Amino acid sequence: MKKASAWLLVIGWISAVLGGLVGIFIGAHIASAKATTGHGERAFRYDDYSRKQGIPMVVVGLMVFALGVWLRTRGSS
């Protein structure tokens, strides 16, 4: 397991807070990506700290995205 790079976390959080789908996808990738080890086992690609950043990143991104969609559809009536 490795730690997610700082730039990936920063771009993911900025995109999630601004409601971008990029932040949702980055967060989902960090939280769930797996790799095959040298022994043929599947293990998470990123460490616990990084995965714990990815899950709330997805939640925040979805909430901001949903709020944006709701505000746009509410104002167009």
Protein backbone atom coordinates (compact mmCIF):
# COMPACT_ATOMS: atom_id res chain seq x y z
CA MET A 1 0.00 0.00 0.00
CA LYS A 2 1.10 3.50 -0.70
CA LYS A 3 -0.04 6.92 0.35
CA ALA A 4 -2.03 8.86 -2.25
CA SER A 5 -0.07 11.78 -3.63
CA ALA A 6 -0.80 15.18 -2.16
CA TRP A 7 -1.79 16.67 -5.51
CA LEU A 8 -4.36 13.90 -6.06
CA LEU A 9 -5.95 14.58 -2.67
CA VAL A 10 -5.92 18.36 -3.19
CA ILE A 11 -7.46 18.18 -6.65
CA GLY A 12 -10.01 15.65 -5.42
CA TRP A 13 -11.07 17.79 -2.47
CA ILE A 14 -11.23 21.01 -4.50
CA SER A 15 -13.32 19.29 -7.16
CA ALA A 16 -15.60 17.70 -4.56
CA VAL A 17 -16.22 20.98 -2.75
CA LEU A 18 -16.94 22.75 -6.04
CA GLY A 19 -19.39 19.99 -7.02
CA GLY A 20 -17.29 18.50 -9.77
CA LEU A 21 -17.71 14.93 -10.82
CA VAL A 22 -13.92 14.69 -10.97
CA GLY A 23 -13.77 14.87 -7.17
CA ILE A 24 -16.34 12.10 -6.85
CA PHE A 25 -14.38 9.83 -9.19
CA ILE A 26 -11.03 10.60 -7.55
CA GLY A 27 -12.49 9.89 -4.11
CA ALA A 28 -14.03 6.63 -5.27
CA HIS A 29 -10.76 5.59 -6.86
CA ILE A 30 -8.72 6.34 -3.74
CA ALA A 31 -11.23 4.56 -1.49
CA SER A 32 -11.60 1.39 -3.54
CA ALA A 33 -8.62 0.87 -5.88
CA LYS A 34 -6.91 -2.49 -5.53
CA ALA A 35 -3.69 -3.89 -6.92
CA THR A 36 -2.23 -7.36 -7.21
CA THR A 37 0.74 -7.99 -4.94
CA GLY A 38 3.82 -9.99 -5.89
CA HIS A 39 2.23 -13.02 -4.24
CA GLY A 40 -0.89 -12.78 -6.41
CA GLU A 41 -3.12 -11.40 -3.65
CA ARG A 42 -5.44 -8.45 -4.18
CA ALA A 43 -4.91 -5.60 -1.71
CA PHE A 44 -5.93 -1.98 -1.46
CA ARG A 45 -3.63 0.26 -3.45
CA TYR A 46 -3.71 3.15 -0.97
CA ASP A 47 -3.10 3.22 2.78
CA ASP A 48 -5.80 3.65 5.44
CA TYR A 49 -5.24 7.42 5.76
CA SER A 50 -5.72 7.95 2.02
CA ARG A 51 -8.79 5.70 1.86
CA LYS A 52 -10.30 7.58 4.81
CA GLN A 53 -9.89 10.77 2.77
CA GLY A 54 -11.55 9.23 -0.29
CA ILE A 55 -14.83 8.21 1.31
CA PRO A 56 -15.81 11.67 2.64
CA MET A 57 -14.56 13.18 -0.63
CA VAL A 58 -17.19 11.13 -2.48
CA VAL A 59 -19.91 12.07 0.02
CA VAL A 60 -19.12 15.80 -0.11
CA GLY A 61 -18.91 15.71 -3.91
CA LEU A 62 -22.28 13.98 -4.20
CA MET A 63 -23.94 16.36 -1.76
CA VAL A 64 -22.62 19.48 -3.51
CA PHE A 65 -23.47 18.04 -6.93
CA ALA A 66 -27.02 17.17 -5.82
CA LEU A 67 -27.46 20.63 -4.30
CA GLY A 68 -26.30 22.24 -7.53
CA VAL A 69 -28.69 20.16 -9.62
CA TRP A 70 -31.54 20.90 -7.23
CA LEU A 71 -30.87 24.65 -7.29
CA ARG A 72 -30.66 24.71 -11.10
CA THR A 73 -33.87 22.75 -11.62
CA ARG A 74 -35.73 24.71 -8.94
CA GLY A 75 -34.86 28.04 -10.54
CA SER A 76 -35.85 27.05 -14.07
CA SER A 77 -39.59 26.54 -13.36
